[in-house]
């Protein structure tokens, strides 16, 4: 089966539906599947539930989908860099399901591993635990969290082969590996696409069995969320 598609729009064709749940990799603007997000915007699909650590920034990343009002609900842990997100949430136009960051990561990992739920001490006694089952283990209270499985996962990888074996680079590894496993269909954009067998098996982070569609994006723009510099030495 040929997994390689000529562009992001073609890679998403036939797998998008209104009201679906999407996992979207990245942390801030690092490691986001930017070309796939743009193609998602152009598709016009709406009423989306998007699982992502954050919602990009104004005018970039998932912020593009907020501008077009294609997202109905965000499942996130940090949304503080997006003014439009704040406006939409406070006006009631956008639903938000807040998660502690580690809990969000584990919910996605659990979904990809076929684990429907797990117990954690994080959030016990707070708003996070409201309406959820709690149970005591070894003298401590735990709250039950559900695993997350998405209809489609959008992922960015540094290198991939034509069978979908993926390698992530440095911080861009963030949420991408677990999201690649948690999608019923996983679509990945890769910077460097190589023939099958060229990647050392010991270097592979995500096995190709989890990946259904690949698009080669060699010149992807890498934006900096907050540029921090120091003065040049005299």
Foldseek 3Di string as FASTA:
>chain_A
DFQEDAALLVLCPPLDAAQFEEEFADDQLFFTLFRNLVSVVVVVHAQYEYEYQECHECPGHNNSVLVVRRYAEYEHADYPRYPSVVVCVVVVRHHYHHDHPVLSLVLLLCLLVVNFKDWDLPPPPHPNQPPFDWDDDPRGITTMDGHAAGQEYEGEAAEAERLQFGAHDPPSVPSRLSSLSRHPAYEYEYQYYHHPPPDDPVRTSHDSVSHRHYYYDNPDDRDDSDDDDDDDDD
